[in-house]
Amino acid sequence: MSLRKRILTFLLYVLGLTIILLIVVHVGISEVLSVLLSTDPYIFLLAVVIYFLGCFVLTLRWRAILSISNYRASLKHLFLLIMMGQFINNITPSMRGGSEPFRAYYLSKLESIPKSISFSSVIVERVLDTITFLLLSLLVILYLLIKGIPLVEELVLIWLLIGALMTASIYAIMHRSLPYKVASKLITVISSISSRSVPEKEVYKSIEDLQQNILFLHHNKKKMILPFILTFLWWFLDILKNYILFLSIGYQLPPIVLSLTYLVSLLVGLLPTLPGSLGVSDAVSITLYSYFGIPHSISTTGTLLDRVVSYIIPTVLGFIAYYLIRRRLKDKVKR
């Protein structure tokens, strides 16, 4: 990473932390600290365990998707790659997105799996996550419509937009000629600004292999049942983790409030804002909790605890995982 990018990333982190600090000051430092000190350490640790259980579920899902194409990968490597993905997501201007290309690349290197297989596996992961998100958010939207709660129109619009983007993305990838046209233009641009030549035949062959593998997975729908179940399980565990975190400060959060806030904050996190959506997602979560009558000190403390479990811990451990992966690859090259 260049010095300029490092400085920019540092400034974005400072901005995100400043937003969080301003929220805490606005709510009241003494009030937030009082709630924070009342946190039950055992219940908090349970939330941490649930988070890592969710990561293991993601590992099992990835392995199940790869097995459909008759490729097996080490659970240890897959888990390290999942944690590395959390680290990358948390340091880039979005949440839960952006790490897929890195995970696919390092998977192909670690396990000697063809890139078409590794890249198609993470694409399938993204599709499963999007479908699950659309189904869960649809249930929340229907509930809001029945109760006559505001914000429904905005949520419906976002729901339709995400559905349209997913459909368009799949169409673009699987279109007979569109990916080749895009690749051709990119090759032309890269060749004009770089002295390195890009092997067109290899690029086109990779696109063809990728499309064929996605079609193969599509034709084996029954084998996709397990990855689909594991996807729902991961989402359930991630939401349960937040519920447990609020329990650790002695507050039983209504499930519908938790689900709505979780899904809306996730939508905000998908937008390219600050690294890991630091500060922005937190402000949205606290605002929504407060809208539903949750005390400011409770909503702020619960959100901060979630940052510790879902952001700080994964970022530190994800960096270690990234280091271990790079070291394993160096050792593999030496052999």
Protein backbone atom coordinates (compact mmCIF):
# COMPACT_ATOMS: atom_id res chain seq x y z
CA MET A 1 0.00 0.00 0.00
CA SER A 2 1.37 3.41 -1.00
CA LEU A 3 2.03 6.15 1.57
CA ARG A 4 -0.83 8.21 0.14
CA LYS A 5 -3.33 5.36 0.58
CA ARG A 6 -2.08 4.69 4.10
CA ILE A 7 -2.58 8.32 5.07
CA LEU A 8 -6.07 8.32 3.50
CA THR A 9 -7.02 5.12 5.30
CA PHE A 10 -5.72 6.52 8.60
CA LEU A 11 -7.74 9.73 8.13
CA LEU A 12 -10.89 7.72 7.34
CA TYR A 13 -10.37 5.70 10.52
CA VAL A 14 -9.97 8.91 12.51
CA LEU A 15 -13.19 10.25 10.97
CA GLY A 16 -15.08 7.06 11.83
CA LEU A 17 -13.79 7.03 15.42
CA THR A 18 -14.65 10.74 15.72
CA ILE A 19 -18.25 10.00 14.71
CA ILE A 20 -18.47 7.28 17.36
CA LEU A 21 -16.90 9.56 19.99
CA LEU A 22 -19.37 12.37 19.16
CA ILE A 23 -22.26 9.93 19.56
CA VAL A 24 -20.96 8.81 22.96
CA VAL A 25 -20.45 12.45 24.08
CA HIS A 26 -23.96 13.34 22.89
CA VAL A 27 -25.52 10.44 24.79
CA GLY A 28 -23.33 11.05 27.83
CA ILE A 29 -19.96 9.48 28.56
CA SER A 30 -20.86 8.71 32.19
CA GLU A 31 -24.15 7.02 31.19
CA VAL A 32 -22.52 4.87 28.50
CA LEU A 33 -19.62 4.00 30.81
CA SER A 34 -22.03 3.04 33.59
CA VAL A 35 -23.89 0.60 31.30
CA LEU A 36 -20.61 -0.68 29.86
CA LEU A 37 -19.23 -1.49 33.32
CA SER A 38 -22.39 -3.46 34.10
CA THR A 39 -21.69 -5.88 31.22
CA ASP A 40 -21.85 -9.52 32.26
CA PRO A 41 -18.48 -10.92 31.09
CA TYR A 42 -19.79 -14.49 30.72
CA ILE A 43 -22.73 -13.49 28.51
CA PHE A 44 -20.39 -11.25 26.52
CA LEU A 45 -18.01 -14.19 25.99
CA LEU A 46 -21.01 -16.25 24.84
CA ALA A 47 -21.61 -13.65 22.11
CA VAL A 48 -17.93 -13.94 21.09
CA VAL A 49 -18.28 -17.73 20.91
CA ILE A 50 -21.41 -17.37 18.76
CA TYR A 51 -19.51 -15.05 16.42
CA PHE A 52 -16.74 -17.62 15.89
CA LEU A 53 -19.31 -20.38 15.55
CA GLY A 54 -20.78 -18.32 12.72
CA CYS A 55 -17.35 -18.09 11.08
CA PHE A 56 -17.04 -21.87 11.32
CA VAL A 57 -20.47 -22.25 9.68
CA LEU A 58 -19.20 -20.05 6.81
CA THR A 59 -16.17 -22.33 6.57
CA LEU A 60 -18.39 -25.41 6.32
CA ARG A 61 -20.55 -23.70 3.69
CA TRP A 62 -17.54 -22.84 1.54
CA ARG A 63 -16.25 -26.39 1.79
CA ALA A 64 -19.69 -27.76 0.84
CA ILE A 65 -19.82 -25.53 -2.27
CA LEU A 66 -16.34 -26.66 -3.33
CA SER A 67 -17.24 -30.32 -2.77
CA ILE A 68 -20.05 -30.04 -5.34
CA SER A 69 -17.31 -29.50 -7.95
CA ASN A 70 -15.40 -32.46 -6.45
CA TYR A 71 -12.73 -30.32 -4.76
CA ARG A 72 -11.82 -30.61 -1.10
CA ALA A 73 -10.01 -27.97 0.88
CA SER A 74 -8.50 -27.98 4.36
CA LEU A 75 -10.91 -26.68 7.00
CA LYS A 76 -7.95 -24.93 8.60
CA HIS A 77 -7.09 -23.06 5.40
CA LEU A 78 -10.71 -22.18 4.72
CA PHE A 79 -11.18 -20.86 8.27
CA LEU A 80 -8.02 -18.74 7.98
CA LEU A 81 -9.30 -17.38 4.66
CA ILE A 82 -12.69 -16.58 6.21
CA MET A 83 -10.97 -14.65 9.01
CA MET A 84 -8.71 -12.93 6.48
CA GLY A 85 -11.86 -11.93 4.61
CA GLN A 86 -13.25 -10.34 7.77
CA PHE A 87 -10.03 -8.34 8.10
CA ILE A 88 -10.20 -7.14 4.48
CA ASN A 89 -13.88 -6.21 4.79
CA ASN A 90 -13.13 -4.19 7.92
CA ILE A 91 -10.32 -2.14 6.40
CA THR A 92 -12.06 -1.37 3.09
CA PRO A 93 -14.84 1.21 2.59
CA SER A 94 -17.68 -1.32 2.96
CA MET A 95 -18.90 -4.11 5.20
CA ARG A 96 -19.40 -7.76 4.28
CA GLY A 97 -18.09 -7.23 0.78
CA GLY A 98 -14.87 -6.80 -1.12
CA SER A 99 -12.93 -9.75 0.26
CA GLU A 100 -14.22 -12.37 -2.20
CA PRO A 101 -11.56 -11.87 -4.90
CA PHE A 102 -8.77 -12.09 -2.29
CA ARG A 103 -10.21 -15.21 -0.70
CA ALA A 104 -10.65 -16.87 -4.09
CA TYR A 105 -7.11 -15.97 -5.17
CA TYR A 106 -5.43 -17.25 -2.01
CA LEU A 107 -7.60 -20.39 -1.98
CA SER A 108 -6.39 -21.30 -5.47
CA LYS A 109 -2.80 -20.77 -4.33
CA LEU A 110 -3.05 -22.62 -1.01
CA GLU A 111 -5.03 -25.64 -2.23
CA SER A 112 -3.97 -25.70 -5.91
CA ILE A 113 -7.62 -25.34 -6.91
CA PRO A 114 -8.34 -23.88 -10.38
CA LYS A 115 -9.17 -20.19 -10.22
CA SER A 116 -12.44 -20.77 -12.07
CA ILE A 117 -13.55 -23.08 -9.23
CA SER A 118 -12.38 -20.84 -6.40
CA PHE A 119 -13.87 -17.67 -7.93
CA SER A 120 -17.18 -19.35 -8.79
CA SER A 121 -17.42 -20.64 -5.19
CA VAL A 122 -17.25 -17.12 -3.71
CA ILE A 123 -19.72 -15.86 -6.33
CA VAL A 124 -22.15 -18.57 -5.24
CA GLU A 125 -21.57 -17.52 -1.61
CA ARG A 126 -22.51 -13.97 -2.48
CA VAL A 127 -25.65 -15.10 -4.32
CA LEU A 128 -26.73 -17.26 -1.35
CA ASP A 129 -26.15 -14.36 1.06
CA THR A 130 -28.14 -11.97 -1.13
CA ILE A 131 -31.07 -14.37 -1.54
CA THR A 132 -31.17 -14.98 2.22
CA PHE A 133 -30.97 -11.26 2.92
CA LEU A 134 -33.84 -10.57 0.50
CA LEU A 135 -36.01 -13.25 2.11
CA LEU A 136 -35.34 -12.07 5.67
CA SER A 137 -35.78 -8.40 4.84
CA LEU A 138 -39.03 -9.22 3.01
CA LEU A 139 -40.43 -10.69 6.23
CA VAL A 140 -39.43 -7.52 8.10
CA ILE A 141 -41.00 -5.31 5.42
CA LEU A 142 -44.26 -7.30 5.57
CA TYR A 143 -44.31 -6.87 9.36
CA LEU A 144 -43.79 -3.12 9.04
CA LEU A 145 -46.58 -2.92 6.45
CA ILE A 146 -48.98 -4.75 8.78
CA LYS A 147 -48.05 -2.51 11.72
CA GLY A 148 -48.10 0.67 9.62
CA ILE A 149 -44.61 1.68 10.73
CA PRO A 150 -42.81 4.38 8.63
CA LEU A 151 -39.71 3.77 6.48
CA VAL A 152 -41.45 0.94 4.58
CA GLU A 153 -41.37 2.72 1.22
CA GLU A 154 -37.63 3.34 1.48
CA LEU A 155 -36.96 -0.26 2.49
CA VAL A 156 -39.05 -1.60 -0.40
CA LEU A 157 -37.08 0.58 -2.82
CA ILE A 158 -33.75 -0.67 -1.43
CA TRP A 159 -35.03 -4.26 -1.49
CA LEU A 160 -35.96 -3.94 -5.17
CA LEU A 161 -32.64 -2.28 -5.98
CA ILE A 162 -30.58 -5.07 -4.38
CA GLY A 163 -32.69 -7.72 -6.11
CA ALA A 164 -32.21 -5.96 -9.46
CA LEU A 165 -28.45 -5.61 -8.92
CA MET A 166 -28.11 -9.30 -8.09
CA THR A 167 -30.10 -10.30 -11.18
CA ALA A 168 -28.09 -7.95 -13.38
CA SER A 169 -24.79 -9.22 -11.97
CA ILE A 170 -25.67 -12.87 -12.59
CA TYR A 171 -26.87 -12.00 -16.09
CA ALA A 172 -23.64 -10.12 -16.82
CA ILE A 173 -21.47 -13.01 -15.64
CA MET A 174 -23.42 -15.68 -17.48
CA HIS A 175 -24.06 -13.72 -20.68
CA ARG A 176 -22.41 -15.38 -23.66
CA SER A 177 -20.42 -12.42 -24.93
CA LEU A 178 -20.71 -9.56 -22.39
CA PRO A 179 -17.90 -10.73 -20.02
CA TYR A 180 -15.59 -11.17 -23.01
CA LYS A 181 -16.33 -7.63 -24.25
CA VAL A 182 -15.66 -6.18 -20.78
CA ALA A 183 -12.45 -8.22 -20.46
CA SER A 184 -11.31 -7.10 -23.92
CA LYS A 185 -11.74 -3.43 -23.01
CA LEU A 186 -9.95 -3.91 -19.69
CA ILE A 187 -7.06 -5.68 -21.43
CA THR A 188 -6.78 -2.77 -23.88
CA VAL A 189 -6.73 -0.22 -21.04
CA ILE A 190 -4.18 -2.22 -19.00
CA SER A 191 -1.93 -2.73 -22.03
CA SER A 192 -1.98 1.00 -22.80
CA ILE A 193 -0.83 2.04 -19.32
CA SER A 194 1.40 -0.91 -18.47
CA SER A 195 4.41 -2.48 -20.09
CA ARG A 196 3.21 -5.93 -19.09
CA SER A 197 1.19 -7.85 -21.67
CA VAL A 198 -2.06 -9.52 -20.67
CA PRO A 199 -2.59 -13.04 -22.13
CA GLU A 200 -6.01 -12.67 -23.78
CA LYS A 201 -6.49 -16.38 -24.42
CA GLU A 202 -5.90 -17.21 -20.75
CA VAL A 203 -8.35 -14.52 -19.63
CA TYR A 204 -11.04 -15.74 -22.03
CA LYS A 205 -10.42 -19.36 -20.99
CA SER A 206 -10.82 -18.37 -17.33
CA ILE A 207 -14.14 -16.66 -18.11
CA GLU A 208 -15.37 -19.73 -19.97
CA ASP A 209 -14.33 -22.05 -17.12
CA LEU A 210 -16.01 -19.77 -14.58
CA GLN A 211 -19.28 -19.77 -16.52
CA GLN A 212 -19.19 -23.55 -16.96
CA ASN A 213 -18.62 -24.13 -13.26
CA ILE A 214 -21.48 -21.83 -12.24
CA LEU A 215 -23.72 -23.68 -14.71
CA PHE A 216 -22.56 -26.97 -13.19
CA LEU A 217 -23.58 -25.77 -9.72
CA HIS A 218 -26.89 -24.55 -11.14
CA HIS A 219 -27.61 -28.02 -12.56
CA ASN A 220 -26.86 -29.60 -9.16
CA LYS A 221 -29.53 -27.73 -7.22
CA LYS A 222 -30.15 -30.56 -4.75
CA LYS A 223 -26.52 -30.39 -3.66
CA MET A 224 -26.98 -26.66 -2.99
CA ILE A 225 -29.50 -27.39 -0.22
CA LEU A 226 -26.80 -27.80 2.45
CA PRO A 227 -24.99 -24.53 1.58
CA PHE A 228 -28.38 -22.78 1.60
CA ILE A 229 -29.22 -24.17 5.07
CA LEU A 230 -25.78 -23.16 6.36
CA THR A 231 -26.34 -19.65 4.98
CA PHE A 232 -29.57 -19.29 6.96
CA LEU A 233 -27.81 -20.69 10.04
CA TRP A 234 -25.03 -18.10 9.76
CA TRP A 235 -27.52 -15.23 9.48
CA PHE A 236 -29.43 -16.57 12.48
CA LEU A 237 -26.22 -16.78 14.54
CA ASP A 238 -25.14 -13.27 13.52
CA ILE A 239 -28.47 -11.80 14.63
CA LEU A 240 -28.47 -13.96 17.79
CA LYS A 241 -25.01 -12.59 18.63
CA ASN A 242 -26.45 -9.05 18.78
CA TYR A 243 -29.35 -10.24 20.94
CA ILE A 244 -26.90 -11.86 23.38
CA LEU A 245 -24.80 -8.68 23.49
CA PHE A 246 -27.80 -6.67 24.65
CA LEU A 247 -28.59 -9.38 27.19
CA SER A 248 -25.06 -8.93 28.55
CA ILE A 249 -25.99 -5.37 29.57
CA GLY A 250 -29.29 -6.52 31.04
CA TYR A 251 -31.61 -5.50 28.20
CA GLN A 252 -33.92 -7.87 26.32
CA LEU A 253 -34.23 -6.41 22.83
CA PRO A 254 -37.49 -7.09 20.92
CA PRO A 255 -36.63 -9.48 18.04
CA ILE A 256 -38.36 -7.36 15.37
CA VAL A 257 -36.44 -4.23 16.46
CA LEU A 258 -33.20 -6.20 16.44
CA SER A 259 -33.90 -7.70 12.98
CA LEU A 260 -34.95 -4.40 11.44
CA THR A 261 -31.95 -2.50 12.82
CA TYR A 262 -29.56 -5.28 11.83
CA LEU A 263 -30.83 -5.40 8.23
CA VAL A 264 -30.90 -1.61 7.76
CA SER A 265 -27.40 -1.18 9.22
CA LEU A 266 -26.25 -3.95 6.89
CA LEU A 267 -27.69 -2.04 3.94
CA VAL A 268 -25.75 1.05 5.00
CA GLY A 269 -22.64 -1.09 5.41
CA LEU A 270 -22.90 -2.25 1.81
CA LEU A 271 -22.41 1.33 0.63
CA PRO A 272 -18.80 2.49 0.04
CA THR A 273 -18.38 4.86 2.99
CA LEU A 274 -15.73 4.56 5.71
CA PRO A 275 -13.57 1.47 6.36
CA GLY A 276 -15.91 -1.19 7.75
CA SER A 277 -18.60 1.53 7.65
CA LEU A 278 -17.04 2.71 10.93
CA GLY A 279 -19.20 5.37 12.57
CA VAL A 280 -21.82 5.48 9.81
CA SER A 281 -23.39 2.09 10.51
CA ASP A 282 -23.17 2.75 14.25
CA ALA A 283 -25.04 6.05 13.93
CA VAL A 284 -27.80 4.39 11.89
CA SER A 285 -28.15 1.53 14.40
CA ILE A 286 -28.33 3.85 17.41
CA THR A 287 -30.86 6.10 15.64
CA LEU A 288 -33.12 3.16 14.80
CA TYR A 289 -32.89 1.68 18.29
CA SER A 290 -33.79 5.08 19.75
CA TYR A 291 -36.70 5.41 17.29
CA PHE A 292 -38.18 2.23 18.76
CA GLY A 293 -37.84 3.53 22.30
CA ILE A 294 -34.58 1.87 23.33
CA PRO A 295 -32.74 4.13 25.84
CA HIS A 296 -29.81 6.01 24.26
CA SER A 297 -27.29 4.65 26.75
CA ILE A 298 -28.44 1.06 26.07
CA SER A 299 -28.48 1.38 22.28
CA THR A 300 -25.07 3.09 22.22
CA THR A 301 -23.43 0.55 24.55
CA GLY A 302 -24.94 -2.41 22.68
CA THR A 303 -23.67 -1.01 19.39
CA LEU A 304 -20.19 -0.43 20.84
CA LEU A 305 -20.06 -4.01 22.16
CA ASP A 306 -21.02 -5.26 18.71
CA ARG A 307 -18.12 -3.26 17.28
CA VAL A 308 -15.76 -5.05 19.66
CA VAL A 309 -17.05 -8.50 18.69
CA SER A 310 -17.69 -7.94 14.98
CA TYR A 311 -14.95 -5.44 14.16
CA ILE A 312 -12.01 -5.18 16.57
CA ILE A 313 -11.56 -8.89 17.36
CA PRO A 314 -11.99 -10.07 13.71
CA THR A 315 -9.70 -7.32 12.42
CA VAL A 316 -6.87 -8.30 14.77
CA LEU A 317 -7.29 -12.05 14.25
CA GLY A 318 -7.92 -11.55 10.52
CA PHE A 319 -4.62 -9.73 10.19
CA ILE A 320 -2.88 -12.64 11.93
CA ALA A 321 -4.67 -15.05 9.56
CA TYR A 322 -3.51 -12.97 6.57
CA TYR A 323 0.08 -13.13 7.85
CA LEU A 324 -0.12 -16.92 8.35
CA ILE A 325 -1.54 -17.41 4.86
CA ARG A 326 1.23 -15.34 3.27
CA ARG A 327 3.84 -17.28 5.24
CA ARG A 328 2.35 -20.63 4.18
CA LEU A 329 2.46 -19.54 0.55
CA LYS A 330 6.13 -18.51 0.87
CA ASP A 331 6.97 -21.88 2.42
CA LYS A 332 5.07 -23.61 -0.38
CA VAL A 333 7.10 -21.73 -3.03
CA LYS A 334 10.39 -22.67 -1.32
CA ARG A 335 9.49 -26.35 -1.53
